């Protein structure tokens, strides 16, 4: 690159950064912030007007959308635990970012390194399944344990100096949702939503009939890799609130709660609705009682799942009782006719 081109490139980068900053300001402040301020004024709930909680609720809404959206494909593929594997990979990425910052006195965003490492781990898992002949659960176990081992080595390599910084990512914290993190999560949510929307039909085909998809000429490996990378994006986005230990919950529990709904699209909609209730309620309870956000969200999600299962069982018992009553009435009527 010539010396004359460098100022042009630098100017373009600065213009792009300025445009992104203005876009973030419009979305976070003018749109979301104003809407939350109005809601706070209407309801009288002061915390809704706090910029800190506004960012937390935005993150909760994003997680509620992209978690079940991607998790629906994973659950039907019986790959629910890939979220846990990639969460531990993201943990290694966070540890790598904090390690680099500590040793070289730089300012690498830990979420960025987590995203890169989790994406690489997602592709590695799929490669082990497709080319190495490893069983799916075996490949998940290899990547999970290996990633956690790398993270633990990096933590101890600094004499535990980065342990404090990484604890928030392990257990989740509302305090980690900074303005930059909220903007990053919003961008990641748009990427995941667009990715699923564009590749929805091939992903659906591969999910329910991989053999048929191969026979039809679809690039199954490409779509498997796409889903794995999208899962990594979801994990990194949700990690700042849910924490590494609990992040897989939003990929699985809302989807499990929506299983009584028939139709794949309707079940995704129901899963997102369950996720919205779960995350918003969990963030609110976490703020009120000053407890861990991730754990609170997971407990609320489990309560929603239990309530759905109880409702399904109750409806089945009622239907069975109604059939029994109807059969008894028919039998009685038949008996009466026979007596005549």
C-alpha atoms as a PDB file:
ATOM      1  CA  UNK A   1       0.000   0.000   0.000  1.00  0.00           C
ATOM      2  CA  UNK A   2       1.413   3.365  -1.034  1.00  0.00           C
ATOM      3  CA  UNK A   3       1.976   6.218   1.386  1.00  0.00           C
ATOM      4  CA  UNK A   4      -0.693   8.265  -0.394  1.00  0.00           C
ATOM      5  CA  UNK A   5      -3.312   5.552   0.170  1.00  0.00           C
ATOM      6  CA  UNK A   6      -2.755   5.350   3.927  1.00  0.00           C
ATOM      7  CA  UNK A   7      -4.453   8.670   4.767  1.00  0.00           C
ATOM      8  CA  UNK A   8      -7.402   7.678   2.569  1.00  0.00           C
ATOM      9  CA  UNK A   9      -7.801   4.341   4.351  1.00  0.00           C
ATOM     10  CA  UNK A  10      -7.393   5.969   7.761  1.00  0.00           C
ATOM     11  CA  UNK A  11      -9.998   8.565   6.887  1.00  0.00           C
ATOM     12  CA  UNK A  12     -12.409   5.872   5.726  1.00  0.00           C
ATOM     13  CA  UNK A  13     -11.910   3.905   8.936  1.00  0.00           C
ATOM     14  CA  UNK A  14     -12.542   7.028  11.012  1.00  0.00           C
ATOM     15  CA  UNK A  15     -15.701   7.820   9.037  1.00  0.00           C
ATOM     16  CA  UNK A  16     -16.917   4.250   9.457  1.00  0.00           C
ATOM     17  CA  UNK A  17     -16.236   4.353  13.197  1.00  0.00           C
ATOM     18  CA  UNK A  18     -18.074   7.643  13.469  1.00  0.00           C
ATOM     19  CA  UNK A  19     -21.049   6.275  11.554  1.00  0.00           C
ATOM     20  CA  UNK A  20     -21.186   3.199  13.794  1.00  0.00           C
ATOM     21  CA  UNK A  21     -20.982   5.363  16.899  1.00  0.00           C
ATOM     22  CA  UNK A  22     -23.869   7.528  15.654  1.00  0.00           C
ATOM     23  CA  UNK A  23     -25.910   4.437  14.820  1.00  0.00           C
ATOM     24  CA  UNK A  24     -25.279   3.011  18.290  1.00  0.00           C
ATOM     25  CA  UNK A  25     -26.268   6.342  19.839  1.00  0.00           C
ATOM     26  CA  UNK A  26     -29.520   6.405  17.857  1.00  0.00           C
ATOM     27  CA  UNK A  27     -30.470   2.844  18.828  1.00  0.00           C
ATOM     28  CA  UNK A  28     -29.337   2.860  22.464  1.00  0.00           C
ATOM     29  CA  UNK A  29     -30.241   6.426  23.399  1.00  0.00           C
ATOM     30  CA  UNK A  30     -32.837   7.836  21.004  1.00  0.00           C
ATOM     31  CA  UNK A  31     -34.871   4.662  20.479  1.00  0.00           C
ATOM     32  CA  UNK A  32     -34.331   2.175  23.310  1.00  0.00           C
ATOM     33  CA  UNK A  33     -33.429   4.696  25.983  1.00  0.00           C
ATOM     34  CA  UNK A  34     -36.368   6.964  25.173  1.00  0.00           C
ATOM     35  CA  UNK A  35     -38.795   4.037  25.117  1.00  0.00           C
ATOM     36  CA  UNK A  36     -37.561   2.831  28.511  1.00  0.00           C
ATOM     37  CA  UNK A  37     -37.761   6.360  29.936  1.00  0.00           C
ATOM     38  CA  UNK A  38     -41.381   6.617  28.798  1.00  0.00           C
ATOM     39  CA  UNK A  39     -42.133   3.206  30.296  1.00  0.00           C
ATOM     40  CA  UNK A  40     -40.516   4.271  33.565  1.00  0.00           C
ATOM     41  CA  UNK A  41     -42.661   7.416  33.633  1.00  0.00           C
ATOM     42  CA  UNK A  42     -45.850   5.476  32.904  1.00  0.00           C
ATOM     43  CA  UNK A  43     -45.233   2.690  35.422  1.00  0.00           C
ATOM     44  CA  UNK A  44     -43.444   4.673  38.100  1.00  0.00           C
ATOM     45  CA  UNK A  45     -40.652   2.057  38.200  1.00  0.00           C
ATOM     46  CA  UNK A  46     -37.480   4.092  38.614  1.00  0.00           C
ATOM     47  CA  UNK A  47     -35.036   1.370  37.646  1.00  0.00           C
ATOM     48  CA  UNK A  48     -36.413   1.357  34.076  1.00  0.00           C
ATOM     49  CA  UNK A  49     -35.032   4.873  33.664  1.00  0.00           C
ATOM     50  CA  UNK A  50     -31.540   3.900  34.782  1.00  0.00           C
ATOM     51  CA  UNK A  51     -29.072   3.644  31.854  1.00  0.00           C
ATOM     52  CA  UNK A  52     -27.443   0.728  33.663  1.00  0.00           C
ATOM     53  CA  UNK A  53     -30.680  -1.287  33.754  1.00  0.00           C
ATOM     54  CA  UNK A  54     -31.704  -0.176  30.285  1.00  0.00           C
ATOM     55  CA  UNK A  55     -28.567  -1.823  28.921  1.00  0.00           C
ATOM     56  CA  UNK A  56     -29.236  -4.936  31.002  1.00  0.00           C
ATOM     57  CA  UNK A  57     -32.794  -5.224  29.665  1.00  0.00           C
ATOM     58  CA  UNK A  58     -31.587  -4.705  26.093  1.00  0.00           C
ATOM     59  CA  UNK A  59     -29.085  -7.511  26.562  1.00  0.00           C
ATOM     60  CA  UNK A  60     -31.835  -9.694  28.058  1.00  0.00           C
ATOM     61  CA  UNK A  61     -34.113  -9.102  25.061  1.00  0.00           C
ATOM     62  CA  UNK A  62     -31.313  -9.890  22.609  1.00  0.00           C
ATOM     63  CA  UNK A  63     -30.420 -13.105  24.427  1.00  0.00           C
ATOM     64  CA  UNK A  64     -34.087 -14.126  24.560  1.00  0.00           C
ATOM     65  CA  UNK A  65     -34.308 -13.737  20.800  1.00  0.00           C
ATOM     66  CA  UNK A  66     -31.146 -15.366  19.505  1.00  0.00           C
ATOM     67  CA  UNK A  67     -30.837 -18.115  22.148  1.00  0.00           C
ATOM     68  CA  UNK A  68     -34.058 -20.001  21.299  1.00  0.00           C
ATOM     69  CA  UNK A  69     -33.711 -19.087  17.611  1.00  0.00           C
ATOM     70  CA  UNK A  70     -30.496 -21.078  17.300  1.00  0.00           C
ATOM     71  CA  UNK A  71     -31.277 -23.497  20.122  1.00  0.00           C
ATOM     72  CA  UNK A  72     -34.367 -24.810  18.309  1.00  0.00           C
ATOM     73  CA  UNK A  73     -32.147 -26.296  15.600  1.00  0.00           C
ATOM     74  CA  UNK A  74     -29.655 -27.663  18.137  1.00  0.00           C
ATOM     75  CA  UNK A  75     -32.271 -29.367  20.326  1.00  0.00           C
ATOM     76  CA  UNK A  76     -33.888 -31.120  17.356  1.00  0.00           C
ATOM     77  CA  UNK A  77     -30.437 -32.289  16.268  1.00  0.00           C
ATOM     78  CA  UNK A  78     -29.761 -33.624  19.768  1.00  0.00           C
ATOM     79  CA  UNK A  79     -26.777 -31.266  20.050  1.00  0.00           C
ATOM     80  CA  UNK A  80     -28.000 -29.252  23.016  1.00  0.00           C
ATOM     81  CA  UNK A  81     -24.698 -29.589  24.876  1.00  0.00           C
ATOM     82  CA  UNK A  82     -22.695 -27.829  22.176  1.00  0.00           C
ATOM     83  CA  UNK A  83     -23.643 -24.600  23.931  1.00  0.00           C
ATOM     84  CA  UNK A  84     -21.859 -25.746  27.076  1.00  0.00           C
ATOM     85  CA  UNK A  85     -18.818 -26.771  25.032  1.00  0.00           C
ATOM     86  CA  UNK A  86     -18.592 -23.423  23.261  1.00  0.00           C
ATOM     87  CA  UNK A  87     -19.165 -21.603  26.551  1.00  0.00           C
ATOM     88  CA  UNK A  88     -16.037 -23.209  27.962  1.00  0.00           C
ATOM     89  CA  UNK A  89     -14.240 -22.320  24.732  1.00  0.00           C
ATOM     90  CA  UNK A  90     -15.364 -18.720  25.184  1.00  0.00           C
ATOM     91  CA  UNK A  91     -14.007 -18.907  28.728  1.00  0.00           C
ATOM     92  CA  UNK A  92     -10.619 -19.768  27.249  1.00  0.00           C
ATOM     93  CA  UNK A  93     -11.011 -16.831  24.875  1.00  0.00           C
ATOM     94  CA  UNK A  94     -11.776 -14.426  27.724  1.00  0.00           C
ATOM     95  CA  UNK A  95      -8.784 -15.771  29.641  1.00  0.00           C
ATOM     96  CA  UNK A  96      -6.615 -15.274  26.543  1.00  0.00           C
ATOM     97  CA  UNK A  97      -7.775 -11.682  26.173  1.00  0.00           C
ATOM     98  CA  UNK A  98      -7.184 -10.851  29.823  1.00  0.00           C
ATOM     99  CA  UNK A  99      -3.806 -12.630  29.694  1.00  0.00           C
ATOM    100  CA  UNK A 100      -2.676 -10.573  26.699  1.00  0.00           C
ATOM    101  CA  UNK A 101      -3.856  -7.374  28.368  1.00  0.00           C
ATOM    102  CA  UNK A 102      -2.020  -8.251  31.564  1.00  0.00           C
ATOM    103  CA  UNK A 103       1.258  -9.350  30.018  1.00  0.00           C
ATOM    104  CA  UNK A 104       1.584  -6.905  27.130  1.00  0.00           C
ATOM    105  CA  UNK A 105      -0.289  -3.941  28.653  1.00  0.00           C
ATOM    106  CA  UNK A 106      -2.757  -3.738  25.764  1.00  0.00           C
ATOM    107  CA  UNK A 107      -6.535  -3.241  25.669  1.00  0.00           C
ATOM    108  CA  UNK A 108      -7.857  -6.196  23.715  1.00  0.00           C
ATOM    109  CA  UNK A 109     -11.617  -6.605  24.397  1.00  0.00           C
ATOM    110  CA  UNK A 110     -12.105  -9.982  26.132  1.00  0.00           C
ATOM    111  CA  UNK A 111     -15.426 -10.489  24.354  1.00  0.00           C
ATOM    112  CA  UNK A 112     -13.668 -10.173  21.002  1.00  0.00           C
ATOM    113  CA  UNK A 113     -11.108 -12.845  21.846  1.00  0.00           C
ATOM    114  CA  UNK A 114     -13.927 -14.988  23.268  1.00  0.00           C
ATOM    115  CA  UNK A 115     -15.841 -14.691  19.997  1.00  0.00           C
ATOM    116  CA  UNK A 116     -12.814 -15.657  17.913  1.00  0.00           C
ATOM    117  CA  UNK A 117     -11.891 -18.645  20.101  1.00  0.00           C
ATOM    118  CA  UNK A 118     -15.509 -19.865  20.358  1.00  0.00           C
ATOM    119  CA  UNK A 119     -15.957 -19.646  16.574  1.00  0.00           C
ATOM    120  CA  UNK A 120     -12.760 -21.615  16.002  1.00  0.00           C
ATOM    121  CA  UNK A 121     -13.884 -24.185  18.575  1.00  0.00           C
ATOM    122  CA  UNK A 122     -17.263 -24.490  16.840  1.00  0.00           C
ATOM    123  CA  UNK A 123     -15.577 -25.241  13.530  1.00  0.00           C
ATOM    124  CA  UNK A 124     -13.229 -27.682  15.268  1.00  0.00           C
ATOM    125  CA  UNK A 125     -16.174 -29.585  16.757  1.00  0.00           C
ATOM    126  CA  UNK A 126     -17.823 -29.860  13.359  1.00  0.00           C
ATOM    127  CA  UNK A 127     -14.546 -30.926  11.735  1.00  0.00           C
ATOM    128  CA  UNK A 128     -14.061 -33.695  14.290  1.00  0.00           C
ATOM    129  CA  UNK A 129     -17.583 -34.932  13.596  1.00  0.00           C
ATOM    130  CA  UNK A 130     -17.354 -34.716   9.807  1.00  0.00           C
ATOM    131  CA  UNK A 131     -13.789 -35.719   9.029  1.00  0.00           C
ATOM    132  CA  UNK A 132     -12.148 -37.314  12.044  1.00  0.00           C
ATOM    133  CA  UNK A 133     -14.859 -39.907  12.521  1.00  0.00           C
ATOM    134  CA  UNK A 134     -15.303 -38.932  16.148  1.00  0.00           C
ATOM    135  CA  UNK A 135     -18.662 -39.426  17.757  1.00  0.00           C
ATOM    136  CA  UNK A 136     -20.521 -36.189  18.356  1.00  0.00           C
ATOM    137  CA  UNK A 137     -20.464 -36.381  22.163  1.00  0.00           C
ATOM    138  CA  UNK A 138     -16.796 -37.377  22.075  1.00  0.00           C
ATOM    139  CA  UNK A 139     -15.834 -34.361  19.979  1.00  0.00           C
ATOM    140  CA  UNK A 140     -17.794 -32.096  22.305  1.00  0.00           C
ATOM    141  CA  UNK A 141     -16.019 -33.542  25.337  1.00  0.00           C
ATOM    142  CA  UNK A 142     -12.590 -33.127  23.738  1.00  0.00           C
ATOM    143  CA  UNK A 143     -13.127 -29.474  22.855  1.00  0.00           C
ATOM    144  CA  UNK A 144     -14.834 -28.671  26.183  1.00  0.00           C
ATOM    145  CA  UNK A 145     -12.103 -30.120  28.397  1.00  0.00           C
ATOM    146  CA  UNK A 146      -9.310 -28.820  26.178  1.00  0.00           C
ATOM    147  CA  UNK A 147     -10.716 -25.278  26.194  1.00  0.00           C
ATOM    148  CA  UNK A 148     -11.201 -25.238  29.943  1.00  0.00           C
ATOM    149  CA  UNK A 149      -7.665 -26.565  30.384  1.00  0.00           C
ATOM    150  CA  UNK A 150      -6.281 -23.712  28.267  1.00  0.00           C
ATOM    151  CA  UNK A 151      -8.264 -21.162  30.279  1.00  0.00           C
ATOM    152  CA  UNK A 152      -7.081 -22.540  33.603  1.00  0.00           C
ATOM    153  CA  UNK A 153      -3.446 -22.554  32.444  1.00  0.00           C
ATOM    154  CA  UNK A 154      -3.661 -18.926  31.325  1.00  0.00           C
ATOM    155  CA  UNK A 155      -5.169 -17.888  34.662  1.00  0.00           C
ATOM    156  CA  UNK A 156      -2.443 -19.569  36.686  1.00  0.00           C
ATOM    157  CA  UNK A 157       0.269 -18.270  34.328  1.00  0.00           C
ATOM    158  CA  UNK A 158      -0.304 -14.772  35.728  1.00  0.00           C
ATOM    159  CA  UNK A 159      -0.272 -15.972  39.355  1.00  0.00           C
ATOM    160  CA  UNK A 160      -4.033 -15.547  39.485  1.00  0.00           C
ATOM    161  CA  UNK A 161      -3.824 -11.878  38.528  1.00  0.00           C
ATOM    162  CA  UNK A 162      -6.665 -12.155  35.998  1.00  0.00           C
ATOM    163  CA  UNK A 163      -8.877 -14.355  38.189  1.00  0.00           C
ATOM    164  CA  UNK A 164     -10.828 -11.363  39.499  1.00  0.00           C
ATOM    165  CA  UNK A 165     -11.509 -10.048  36.014  1.00  0.00           C
ATOM    166  CA  UNK A 166     -12.699 -13.402  34.736  1.00  0.00           C
ATOM    167  CA  UNK A 167     -15.090 -14.182  37.606  1.00  0.00           C
ATOM    168  CA  UNK A 168     -17.825 -11.979  36.117  1.00  0.00           C
ATOM    169  CA  UNK A 169     -17.693 -13.999  32.915  1.00  0.00           C
ATOM    170  CA  UNK A 170     -17.885 -17.265  34.824  1.00  0.00           C
ATOM    171  CA  UNK A 171     -21.040 -16.457  36.770  1.00  0.00           C
ATOM    172  CA  UNK A 172     -22.544 -13.568  34.857  1.00  0.00           C
ATOM    173  CA  UNK A 173     -23.077 -10.030  36.059  1.00  0.00           C
ATOM    174  CA  UNK A 174     -25.247  -7.055  35.201  1.00  0.00           C
ATOM    175  CA  UNK A 175     -22.204  -4.871  35.816  1.00  0.00           C
ATOM    176  CA  UNK A 176     -20.448  -6.287  32.724  1.00  0.00           C
ATOM    177  CA  UNK A 177     -23.106  -4.919  30.365  1.00  0.00           C
ATOM    178  CA  UNK A 178     -21.334  -1.725  29.410  1.00  0.00           C
ATOM    179  CA  UNK A 179     -22.442   0.535  26.590  1.00  0.00           C
ATOM    180  CA  UNK A 180     -19.896  -1.059  24.239  1.00  0.00           C
ATOM    181  CA  UNK A 181     -20.976  -4.579  25.244  1.00  0.00           C
ATOM    182  CA  UNK A 182     -24.645  -3.740  24.695  1.00  0.00           C
ATOM    183  CA  UNK A 183     -23.842  -2.360  21.246  1.00  0.00           C
ATOM    184  CA  UNK A 184     -21.779  -5.454  20.413  1.00  0.00           C
ATOM    185  CA  UNK A 185     -24.565  -7.780  21.538  1.00  0.00           C
ATOM    186  CA  UNK A 186     -27.070  -5.846  19.453  1.00  0.00           C
ATOM    187  CA  UNK A 187     -24.869  -6.229  16.364  1.00  0.00           C
ATOM    188  CA  UNK A 188     -24.352  -9.937  17.065  1.00  0.00           C
ATOM    189  CA  UNK A 189     -28.114 -10.388  17.449  1.00  0.00           C
ATOM    190  CA  UNK A 190     -28.731  -8.811  14.058  1.00  0.00           C
ATOM    191  CA  UNK A 191     -26.084 -11.061  12.480  1.00  0.00           C
ATOM    192  CA  UNK A 192     -27.570 -14.222  14.029  1.00  0.00           C
ATOM    193  CA  UNK A 193     -31.142 -13.296  13.092  1.00  0.00           C
ATOM    194  CA  UNK A 194     -30.193 -12.494   9.493  1.00  0.00           C
ATOM    195  CA  UNK A 195     -28.097 -15.658   9.255  1.00  0.00           C
ATOM    196  CA  UNK A 196     -30.974 -17.876  10.378  1.00  0.00           C
ATOM    197  CA  UNK A 197     -33.476 -16.026   8.186  1.00  0.00           C
ATOM    198  CA  UNK A 198     -31.359 -16.377   5.033  1.00  0.00           C
ATOM    199  CA  UNK A 199     -30.454 -20.041   5.606  1.00  0.00           C
ATOM    200  CA  UNK A 200     -33.708 -21.097   7.301  1.00  0.00           C
ATOM    201  CA  UNK A 201     -34.932 -23.651   4.743  1.00  0.00           C
ATOM    202  CA  UNK A 202     -31.580 -25.438   4.243  1.00  0.00           C
ATOM    203  CA  UNK A 203     -30.984 -25.476   8.013  1.00  0.00           C
ATOM    204  CA  UNK A 204     -34.452 -26.937   8.548  1.00  0.00           C
ATOM    205  CA  UNK A 205     -33.847 -29.597   5.884  1.00  0.00           C
ATOM    206  CA  UNK A 206     -30.470 -30.550   7.328  1.00  0.00           C
ATOM    207  CA  UNK A 207     -31.874 -30.631  10.864  1.00  0.00           C
ATOM    208  CA  UNK A 208     -34.671 -33.104  10.167  1.00  0.00           C
ATOM    209  CA  UNK A 209     -33.235 -35.109   7.244  1.00  0.00           C
ATOM    210  CA  UNK A 210     -29.493 -34.773   6.833  1.00  0.00           C
ATOM    211  CA  UNK A 211     -29.257 -37.808   4.565  1.00  0.00           C
ATOM    212  CA  UNK A 212     -31.983 -36.454   2.310  1.00  0.00           C
ATOM    213  CA  UNK A 213     -30.311 -33.033   2.293  1.00  0.00           C
ATOM    214  CA  UNK A 214     -27.064 -34.590   1.079  1.00  0.00           C
ATOM    215  CA  UNK A 215     -28.926 -36.516  -1.587  1.00  0.00           C
ATOM    216  CA  UNK A 216     -30.598 -33.285  -2.706  1.00  0.00           C
ATOM    217  CA  UNK A 217     -27.206 -31.695  -3.264  1.00  0.00           C
ATOM    218  CA  UNK A 218     -27.152 -29.343  -0.290  1.00  0.00           C
ATOM    219  CA  UNK A 219     -23.759 -28.507   1.192  1.00  0.00           C
ATOM    220  CA  UNK A 220     -24.577 -30.039   4.533  1.00  0.00           C
ATOM    221  CA  UNK A 221     -21.118 -29.454   5.980  1.00  0.00           C
ATOM    222  CA  UNK A 222     -21.335 -25.735   5.202  1.00  0.00           C
ATOM    223  CA  UNK A 223     -24.698 -25.403   6.934  1.00  0.00           C
ATOM    224  CA  UNK A 224     -23.490 -27.416   9.914  1.00  0.00           C
ATOM    225  CA  UNK A 225     -20.523 -25.072  10.198  1.00  0.00           C
ATOM    226  CA  UNK A 226     -22.804 -22.044   9.878  1.00  0.00           C
ATOM    227  CA  UNK A 227     -25.016 -23.277  12.717  1.00  0.00           C
ATOM    228  CA  UNK A 228     -21.966 -24.005  14.868  1.00  0.00           C
ATOM    229  CA  UNK A 229     -20.584 -20.492  14.343  1.00  0.00           C
ATOM    230  CA  UNK A 230     -23.984 -18.908  15.024  1.00  0.00           C
ATOM    231  CA  UNK A 231     -24.093 -20.897  18.255  1.00  0.00           C
ATOM    232  CA  UNK A 232     -20.691 -19.500  19.195  1.00  0.00           C
ATOM    233  CA  UNK A 233     -21.974 -15.976  18.568  1.00  0.00           C
ATOM    234  CA  UNK A 234     -25.002 -16.604  20.801  1.00  0.00           C
ATOM    235  CA  UNK A 235     -22.832 -18.043  23.561  1.00  0.00           C
ATOM    236  CA  UNK A 236     -20.455 -15.081  23.592  1.00  0.00           C
ATOM    237  CA  UNK A 237     -23.333 -12.619  23.512  1.00  0.00           C
ATOM    238  CA  UNK A 238     -25.172 -14.296  26.388  1.00  0.00           C
ATOM    239  CA  UNK A 239     -22.051 -14.921  28.446  1.00  0.00           C
ATOM    240  CA  UNK A 240     -21.874 -11.396  29.878  1.00  0.00           C
ATOM    241  CA  UNK A 241     -25.189 -11.862  31.712  1.00  0.00           C
ATOM    242  CA  UNK A 242     -25.568 -15.641  31.985  1.00  0.00           C
ATOM    243  CA  UNK A 243     -21.956 -16.550  32.674  1.00  0.00           C
ATOM    244  CA  UNK A 244     -19.970 -19.422  31.185  1.00  0.00           C
ATOM    245  CA  UNK A 245     -21.443 -21.966  33.576  1.00  0.00           C
ATOM    246  CA  UNK A 246     -25.098 -21.268  32.727  1.00  0.00           C
ATOM    247  CA  UNK A 247     -25.002 -19.883  29.196  1.00  0.00           C
ATOM    248  CA  UNK A 248     -26.212 -23.115  27.556  1.00  0.00           C
ATOM    249  CA  UNK A 249     -29.506 -22.790  29.431  1.00  0.00           C
ATOM    250  CA  UNK A 250     -30.910 -20.170  27.049  1.00  0.00           C
ATOM    251  CA  UNK A 251     -30.215 -22.466  24.124  1.00  0.00           C
ATOM    252  CA  UNK A 252     -32.147 -25.338  25.653  1.00  0.00           C
ATOM    253  CA  UNK A 253     -34.714 -24.557  28.357  1.00  0.00           C
ATOM    254  CA  UNK A 254     -36.973 -22.115  26.442  1.00  0.00           C
ATOM    255  CA  UNK A 255     -36.953 -24.554  23.515  1.00  0.00           C
ATOM    256  CA  UNK A 256     -37.845 -27.424  25.836  1.00  0.00           C
ATOM    257  CA  UNK A 257     -40.707 -25.344  27.247  1.00  0.00           C
ATOM    258  CA  UNK A 258     -42.090 -24.840  23.728  1.00  0.00           C
ATOM    259  CA  UNK A 259     -42.169 -28.533  22.762  1.00  0.00           C
ATOM    260  CA  UNK A 260     -45.967 -28.858  23.237  1.00  0.00           C
ATOM    261  CA  UNK A 261     -46.455 -26.314  20.424  1.00  0.00           C
ATOM    262  CA  UNK A 262     -46.909 -27.961  17.035  1.00  0.00           C
ATOM    263  CA  UNK A 263     -45.099 -26.655  13.985  1.00  0.00           C
ATOM    264  CA  UNK A 264     -41.438 -25.664  13.911  1.00  0.00           C
ATOM    265  CA  UNK A 265     -42.002 -21.950  13.265  1.00  0.00           C
ATOM    266  CA  UNK A 266     -44.679 -21.726  15.945  1.00  0.00           C
ATOM    267  CA  UNK A 267     -42.437 -23.570  18.401  1.00  0.00           C
ATOM    268  CA  UNK A 268     -39.624 -21.069  17.729  1.00  0.00           C
ATOM    269  CA  UNK A 269     -42.041 -18.206  18.380  1.00  0.00           C
ATOM    270  CA  UNK A 270     -43.174 -19.840  21.621  1.00  0.00           C
ATOM    271  CA  UNK A 271     -39.565 -20.458  22.660  1.00  0.00           C
ATOM    272  CA  UNK A 272     -38.652 -16.800  22.059  1.00  0.00           C
ATOM    273  CA  UNK A 273     -41.712 -15.711  24.083  1.00  0.00           C
ATOM    274  CA  UNK A 274     -40.648 -18.010  26.929  1.00  0.00           C
ATOM    275  CA  UNK A 275     -37.124 -16.646  26.661  1.00  0.00           C
ATOM    276  CA  UNK A 276     -38.348 -13.039  26.839  1.00  0.00           C
ATOM    277  CA  UNK A 277     -40.356 -13.697  29.971  1.00  0.00           C
ATOM    278  CA  UNK A 278     -37.479 -15.636  31.501  1.00  0.00           C
ATOM    279  CA  UNK A 279     -34.728 -13.105  30.865  1.00  0.00           C
ATOM    280  CA  UNK A 280     -36.750  -9.987  31.721  1.00  0.00           C
ATOM    281  CA  UNK A 281     -38.105 -11.545  34.921  1.00  0.00           C
ATOM    282  CA  UNK A 282     -34.655 -12.884  35.823  1.00  0.00           C
ATOM    283  CA  UNK A 283     -32.925  -9.537  35.326  1.00  0.00           C
ATOM    284  CA  UNK A 284     -35.619  -7.787  37.364  1.00  0.00           C
ATOM    285  CA  UNK A 285     -35.411 -10.248  40.247  1.00  0.00           C
ATOM    286  CA  UNK A 286     -31.620 -10.122  40.133  1.00  0.00           C
ATOM    287  CA  UNK A 287     -31.713  -6.350  40.537  1.00  0.00           C
ATOM    288  CA  UNK A 288     -34.341  -6.384  43.288  1.00  0.00           C
ATOM    289  CA  UNK A 289     -32.648  -9.036  45.435  1.00  0.00           C
ATOM    290  CA  UNK A 290     -29.026  -8.322  44.451  1.00  0.00           C
ATOM    291  CA  UNK A 291     -28.303 -11.896  43.353  1.00  0.00           C
ATOM    292  CA  UNK A 292     -26.549 -13.384  40.334  1.00  0.00           C
ATOM    293  CA  UNK A 293     -28.376 -12.573  37.099  1.00  0.00           C
ATOM    294  CA  UNK A 294     -27.443 -15.790  35.306  1.00  0.00           C
ATOM    295  CA  UNK A 295     -28.587 -18.096  38.078  1.00  0.00           C
ATOM    296  CA  UNK A 296     -31.825 -16.163  38.545  1.00  0.00           C
ATOM    297  CA  UNK A 297     -32.644 -16.344  34.831  1.00  0.00           C
ATOM    298  CA  UNK A 298     -32.009 -20.086  34.751  1.00  0.00           C
ATOM    299  CA  UNK A 299     -34.201 -20.700  37.814  1.00  0.00           C
ATOM    300  CA  UNK A 300     -37.027 -18.690  36.245  1.00  0.00           C
ATOM    301  CA  UNK A 301     -36.583 -20.656  33.006  1.00  0.00           C
ATOM    302  CA  UNK A 302     -36.815 -23.949  34.875  1.00  0.00           C
ATOM    303  CA  UNK A 303     -39.950 -22.704  36.648  1.00  0.00           C
ATOM    304  CA  UNK A 304     -41.501 -21.824  33.278  1.00  0.00           C
ATOM    305  CA  UNK A 305     -40.616 -25.268  31.912  1.00  0.00           C
ATOM    306  CA  UNK A 306     -42.088 -26.973  34.987  1.00  0.00           C
ATOM    307  CA  UNK A 307     -45.285 -24.911  34.705  1.00  0.00           C
ATOM    308  CA  UNK A 308     -45.654 -25.824  31.029  1.00  0.00           C
ATOM    309  CA  UNK A 309     -45.141 -29.516  31.744  1.00  0.00           C
ATOM    310  CA  UNK A 310     -47.651 -29.381  34.609  1.00  0.00           C
ATOM    311  CA  UNK A 311     -50.164 -27.677  32.316  1.00  0.00           C
ATOM    312  CA  UNK A 312     -49.658 -30.298  29.604  1.00  0.00           C
ATOM    313  CA  UNK A 313     -50.131 -33.151  32.060  1.00  0.00           C
ATOM    314  CA  UNK A 314     -53.195 -31.483  33.542  1.00  0.00           C
ATOM    315  CA  UNK A 315     -54.722 -31.038  30.095  1.00  0.00           C
ATOM    316  CA  UNK A 316     -54.057 -34.684  29.237  1.00  0.00           C
ATOM    317  CA  UNK A 317     -55.674 -35.872  32.471  1.00  0.00           C
ATOM    318  CA  UNK A 318     -58.693 -33.657  31.832  1.00  0.00           C
ATOM    319  CA  UNK A 319     -59.027 -34.957  28.272  1.00  0.00           C
ATOM    320  CA  UNK A 320     -58.698 -38.539  29.499  1.00  0.00           C
ATOM    321  CA  UNK A 321     -61.365 -37.931  32.153  1.00  0.00           C
ATOM    322  CA  UNK A 322     -63.697 -36.377  29.595  1.00  0.00           C
ATOM    323  CA  UNK A 323     -63.252 -39.359  27.293  1.00  0.00           C
ATOM    324  CA  UNK A 324     -63.926 -41.705  30.179  1.00  0.00           C
ATOM    325  CA  UNK A 325     -67.091 -39.806  31.094  1.00  0.00           C
ATOM    326  CA  UNK A 326     -68.222 -39.786  27.483  1.00  0.00           C
ATOM    327  CA  UNK A 327     -67.567 -43.521  27.182  1.00  0.00           C
ATOM    328  CA  UNK A 328     -69.527 -44.139  30.375  1.00  0.00           C
ATOM    329  CA  UNK A 329     -72.481 -42.144  29.077  1.00  0.00           C
ATOM    330  CA  UNK A 330     -72.424 -44.031  25.806  1.00  0.00           C
ATOM    331  CA  UNK A 331     -72.246 -47.334  27.626  1.00  0.00           C
ATOM    332  CA  UNK A 332     -75.136 -46.325  29.860  1.00  0.00           C
ATOM    333  CA  UNK A 333     -77.173 -45.269  26.853  1.00  0.00           C
ATOM    334  CA  UNK A 334     -76.447 -48.541  25.107  1.00  0.00           C
ATOM    335  CA  UNK A 335     -77.427 -50.439  28.231  1.00  0.00           C
ATOM    336  CA  UNK A 336     -80.679 -48.525  28.465  1.00  0.00           C
ATOM    337  CA  UNK A 337     -81.548 -49.285  24.845  1.00  0.00           C
ATOM    338  CA  UNK A 338     -80.823 -52.936  25.411  1.00  0.00           C
ATOM    339  CA  UNK A 339     -83.209 -52.993  28.389  1.00  0.00           C
ATOM    340  CA  UNK A 340     -86.039 -51.707  26.241  1.00  0.00           C
END
